[in-house]
Structure formats: C-alpha cells, structure tokens
Protein backbone atom coordinates (compact mmCIF):
# COMPACT_ATOMS: atom_id res chain seq x y z
CA UNK A 1 93.27 83.92 54.97
CA UNK A 2 93.38 87.39 53.46
CA UNK A 3 92.14 90.35 55.40
CA UNK A 4 91.81 92.47 52.27
CA UNK A 5 93.42 95.88 51.79
CA UNK A 6 95.16 97.79 54.70
CA UNK A 7 92.36 100.41 54.42
CA UNK A 8 89.66 97.80 54.95
CA UNK A 9 91.53 96.40 57.92
CA UNK A 10 91.91 99.87 59.44
CA UNK A 11 88.17 100.45 59.22
CA UNK A 12 87.45 97.01 60.87
CA UNK A 13 90.00 97.93 63.57
CA UNK A 14 88.29 101.22 64.23
CA UNK A 15 84.85 99.71 64.30
CA UNK A 16 86.13 97.07 66.83
CA UNK A 17 87.68 99.86 68.97
CA UNK A 18 84.38 101.79 68.90
CA UNK A 19 82.43 98.65 69.88
CA UNK A 20 84.85 97.93 72.75
CA UNK A 21 84.61 101.57 73.90
CA UNK A 22 80.78 101.34 73.93
CA UNK A 23 81.04 98.06 75.90
CA UNK A 24 83.30 99.56 78.51
CA UNK A 25 80.91 102.50 79.05
CA UNK A 26 77.93 100.10 79.19
CA UNK A 27 79.79 97.95 81.77
CA UNK A 28 80.63 101.01 83.81
CA UNK A 29 77.05 102.15 83.72
CA UNK A 30 75.76 98.66 84.53
CA UNK A 31 77.82 98.60 87.71
CA UNK A 32 75.77 101.46 88.94
CA UNK A 33 72.55 99.70 88.06
CA UNK A 34 73.55 96.60 89.97
CA UNK A 35 71.44 94.43 92.21
CA UNK A 36 71.71 96.97 94.99
CA UNK A 37 70.90 99.89 92.76
CA UNK A 38 68.36 98.93 90.12
CA UNK A 39 67.17 101.11 87.24
CA UNK A 40 64.07 101.78 89.22
CA UNK A 41 65.90 102.90 92.38
CA UNK A 42 68.32 105.04 90.24
CA UNK A 43 65.19 106.90 88.91
CA UNK A 44 64.03 107.33 92.56
CA UNK A 45 67.43 108.70 93.50
CA UNK A 46 67.17 111.13 90.56
CA UNK A 47 64.02 112.56 92.03
CA UNK A 48 60.98 113.71 90.20
CA UNK A 49 61.97 117.17 88.82
CA UNK A 50 63.48 116.08 85.51
CA UNK A 51 63.68 112.86 83.45
CA UNK A 52 66.49 110.43 83.48
CA UNK A 53 66.67 110.94 79.69
CA UNK A 54 68.20 114.33 80.18
CA UNK A 55 71.59 112.94 81.22
CA UNK A 56 73.92 110.03 80.63
CA UNK A 57 77.13 108.82 82.22
CA UNK A 58 80.10 108.96 79.85
CA UNK A 59 83.75 108.06 79.99
CA UNK A 60 85.94 110.93 78.84
CA UNK A 61 89.33 109.78 80.07
CA UNK A 62 92.24 111.92 81.18
CA UNK A 63 91.70 114.43 83.87
CA UNK A 64 87.89 114.37 83.40
CA UNK A 65 87.30 110.77 83.90
CA UNK A 66 83.63 109.76 84.15
CA UNK A 67 81.26 112.62 83.63
CA UNK A 68 77.62 113.49 83.34
CA UNK A 69 76.59 114.64 79.90
CA UNK A 70 73.44 116.32 78.70
CA UNK A 71 71.33 114.29 76.21
CA UNK A 72 69.32 117.32 74.95
CA UNK A 73 69.40 121.08 74.90
CA UNK A 74 68.18 122.74 78.14
CA UNK A 75 67.43 126.48 78.32
CA UNK A 76 68.80 128.63 81.13
CA UNK A 77 67.17 128.33 84.55
CA UNK A 78 65.49 125.03 83.57
CA UNK A 79 66.03 121.94 85.69
CA UNK A 80 68.55 119.47 84.14
CA UNK A 81 67.91 116.73 86.71
CA UNK A 82 67.19 116.28 90.37
CA UNK A 83 68.66 113.77 92.80
CA UNK A 84 67.65 112.53 96.26
CA UNK A 85 70.42 111.50 98.64
CA UNK A 86 70.76 110.53 102.27
CA UNK A 87 72.54 112.91 104.50
CA UNK A 88 75.46 112.28 106.68
CA UNK A 89 77.65 114.31 109.14
CA UNK A 90 81.00 113.76 107.38
CA UNK A 91 82.12 114.83 103.94
CA UNK A 92 84.02 112.63 101.38
CA UNK A 93 85.39 112.92 97.90
CA UNK A 94 81.83 112.71 96.33
CA UNK A 95 79.67 114.53 98.89
CA UNK A 96 77.76 117.86 98.42
CA UNK A 97 77.61 120.02 101.47
CA UNK A 98 74.01 120.90 102.09
CA UNK A 99 74.30 122.69 105.38
CA UNK A 100 76.88 123.66 108.02
CA UNK A 101 77.31 120.14 109.32
CA UNK A 102 75.56 117.84 106.85
CA UNK A 103 76.59 116.36 103.50
CA UNK A 104 75.08 113.98 100.93
CA UNK A 105 75.99 110.33 100.95
CA UNK A 106 77.23 108.64 97.83
CA UNK A 107 74.72 105.76 97.39
CA UNK A 108 75.68 105.13 93.64
CA UNK A 109 73.96 108.39 92.88
CA UNK A 110 74.59 110.01 89.51
CA UNK A 111 75.43 113.37 91.05
CA UNK A 112 78.84 112.04 91.97
CA UNK A 113 79.95 112.47 88.25
CA UNK A 114 79.26 116.25 88.28
CA UNK A 115 82.66 117.84 87.79
CA UNK A 116 83.70 121.22 89.00
CA UNK A 117 83.91 124.19 86.68
CA UNK A 118 84.72 127.90 87.36
CA UNK A 119 82.40 128.52 84.36
CA UNK A 120 79.73 125.91 85.16
CA UNK A 121 76.89 124.68 83.03
CA UNK A 122 74.67 124.30 86.08
CA UNK A 123 74.08 125.42 89.66
CA UNK A 124 72.63 123.52 92.46
CA UNK A 125 69.46 124.38 94.36
CA UNK A 126 67.91 122.56 97.34
CA UNK A 127 64.27 121.45 96.59
CA UNK A 128 61.65 121.80 99.27
CA UNK A 129 59.59 118.68 98.72
CA UNK A 130 57.44 117.03 101.42
CA UNK A 131 57.82 113.72 99.71
CA UNK A 132 61.48 113.51 100.45
CA UNK A 133 62.04 110.77 103.07
CA UNK A 134 63.47 111.66 106.52
CA UNK A 135 67.20 111.82 106.52
CA UNK A 136 67.46 112.68 102.85
CA UNK A 137 67.70 115.81 100.83
CA UNK A 138 66.57 116.60 97.23
CA UNK A 139 68.78 118.82 95.05
CA UNK A 140 68.20 120.15 91.58
CA UNK A 141 70.83 120.89 89.02
CA UNK A 142 69.63 123.85 87.08
CA UNK A 143 70.99 125.18 83.77
CA UNK A 144 73.21 128.28 84.51
CA UNK A 145 72.91 129.26 80.81
CA UNK A 146 71.46 127.76 77.68
CA UNK A 147 73.20 124.44 77.52
CA UNK A 148 73.50 122.08 74.49
CA UNK A 149 73.28 118.37 74.02
CA UNK A 150 76.72 116.86 74.59
CA UNK A 151 77.81 119.47 77.15
CA UNK A 152 79.20 118.22 80.45
CA UNK A 153 77.03 118.79 83.54
CA UNK A 154 79.22 120.89 85.85
CA UNK A 155 78.69 123.16 88.86
CA UNK A 156 81.08 125.43 90.87
CA UNK A 157 82.05 123.44 94.08
CA UNK A 158 82.53 126.75 95.86
CA UNK A 159 78.71 127.19 95.70
CA UNK A 160 78.33 124.64 98.42
CA UNK A 161 81.65 123.49 99.76
CA UNK A 162 83.39 125.02 102.72
CA UNK A 163 86.26 122.74 103.51
CA UNK A 164 86.71 119.75 101.13
CA UNK A 165 88.59 116.66 102.06
CA UNK A 166 91.07 117.14 99.23
CA UNK A 167 91.84 120.00 96.83
CA UNK A 168 92.84 120.13 93.19
CA UNK A 169 93.98 122.55 90.54
CA UNK A 170 91.09 123.59 88.35
CA UNK A 171 91.49 122.64 84.78
CA UNK A 172 88.90 125.16 83.49
CA UNK A 173 89.70 127.66 80.75
CA UNK A 174 89.76 130.65 82.88
CA UNK A 175 92.11 133.63 82.97
CA UNK A 176 93.48 132.80 86.36
CA UNK A 177 94.19 129.08 87.19
CA UNK A 178 92.74 128.37 90.78
CA UNK A 179 93.14 125.80 93.50
CA UNK A 180 89.78 124.34 94.57
CA UNK A 181 89.38 123.13 98.20
CA UNK A 182 86.34 125.07 99.45
CA UNK A 183 85.46 128.62 100.26
CA UNK A 184 87.42 128.37 103.56
CA UNK A 185 90.67 128.26 101.64
CA UNK A 186 90.06 131.43 99.65
CA UNK A 187 91.83 134.54 100.76
CA UNK A 188 89.34 137.04 102.55
CA UNK A 189 89.00 139.39 99.57
CA UNK A 190 88.31 136.45 97.19
CA UNK A 191 85.68 135.13 99.69
CA UNK A 192 83.78 138.36 99.72
CA UNK A 193 83.95 138.84 95.95
CA UNK A 194 82.69 135.32 95.31
CA UNK A 195 79.95 135.12 97.96
CA UNK A 196 78.59 138.69 97.32
CA UNK A 197 78.09 137.92 93.62
CA UNK A 198 74.51 136.91 93.20
CA UNK A 199 75.32 134.98 89.98
CA UNK A 200 77.37 132.46 91.97
CA UNK A 201 74.10 131.38 93.90
CA UNK A 202 76.09 130.57 97.09
CA UNK A 203 74.25 128.40 99.58
CA UNK A 204 73.14 129.92 102.96
CA UNK A 205 75.63 127.96 105.11
CA UNK A 206 78.59 129.26 103.02
CA UNK A 207 77.38 132.81 103.48
CA UNK A 208 77.03 132.33 107.20
CA UNK A 209 80.43 130.81 107.57
CA UNK A 210 82.10 133.60 105.66
CA UNK A 211 80.38 136.25 107.76
CA UNK A 212 81.53 134.48 110.88
CA UNK A 213 85.21 133.93 109.94
CA UNK A 214 86.13 136.64 107.52
CA UNK A 215 87.47 139.91 109.17
CA UNK A 216 86.62 141.85 106.03
CA UNK A 217 83.03 140.76 106.45
CA UNK A 218 82.89 142.27 109.98
CA UNK A 219 84.21 145.49 108.65
CA UNK A 220 81.62 145.37 105.85
CA UNK A 221 78.75 144.79 108.37
CA UNK A 222 80.01 147.58 110.64
CA UNK A 223 80.12 150.15 107.76
CA UNK A 224 76.63 149.02 106.72
CA UNK A 225 75.31 149.53 110.21
CA UNK A 226 76.84 153.00 110.44
CA UNK A 227 75.31 154.10 107.07
C-alpha cells in the first residue's frame, strides 16, 4: 500500500506524535485522579479560593519535568489557586514548610508541581479559614505580578523553606546562579538581604529562625535598640 508523498507521511507522523503526547499527559493526570483521589477530592484539596480551571498539569520534559501551568491571565495579587493539605512533622521532596516544625503532606496534591524560581510568578500565603479540617492547612498561591495563560506557576522556595532535604542548582534566568536548599544555607548577609526585602513575602517562621541564628541579625537588633 502507498503512504502518499513523504510530506503527507511527515504530517501524519507529527499528528501521531501530538496525539501520543496528549495521551501521555492525560495518563499522567489520570494517575492523580485515581480511585484514591477522585476529581471531587482534588477540588477539595484545591480549596475554595480559586477554581480548578485556573491551572493544569503539564509535562515539559528536561529539567522542568511536570509543572503547573496557568490556563488564563491572572492580575497581580489575585489568587491563582488554593490548596488544602494535611500537616506532618517531617519534610520531604514535595513538602512546603508552614511553621517552624510542620510541613505539608503530599496527598497527590497539585501544589507538588509548583517549581522554584528566583523570579517567581506567584508567592504563597497561608489562608485563615475556619472550614479547614483539624490537622490541615490551607495555602493560597497568589500572582506576584500580572501573569499570562501558559506561564508556569512558580514560587521562591526560600519564602517558606529553612532546611530542605535536598538542594539543587537554580535554572532561573538570573544574573547570579544560585544553589537552593533553604534559607539556613544562605550566608548571613544574603539571609538578611532576602528576609528584610518585603517583596519576598518571607513567612514568619523563617524570619524568626534567621533572627535566632544569624549573628548579623543580633547586631542589627542591638543597633536598633540603641537608636
């Protein structure tokens, strides 16, 4: 049988690759909507602050791997999505540190696909909601700037993380490449510069840990007291 011209065959081949790519993404997404985590429970895990339609899971490959991507434009300081997660007393590769000694549990929650960026699209903010069940926390991912559909949902891990279980070299397009393993592993001057910058929106437990452990912070407080 004839397959027609090479050009026609190339088009068919590309269409097949596109279909297979979509099927792989769908299969990946379906694993996180399994019998233990249904679409209804995924919506529950997302919380009530922003709709599921704001984000999607996408496979980018390479260093990025699986990511969360915006499905529509979101203006600065508007909620992109919220998630509810159980809390645990140990951190792991996917946890978010929410206090000095507590971290979010994985639970097939979409937040685990939020990548780090030194120039993030979002920042995280804990939500005070009486409807959150005991032993859980609700967190909002809020647009750090005007973000467009198709952008990856990222936040700066140093906003919440003190001592991560494993570090990595940041692949962000910044002037100075950095190694990310939590604020504990920054030098004292960098710790102060980062945590004193209000645009970084550093969480209270990180501020407290820096004040307790950074000798430059003690000098800073002493000078402030004498002023």
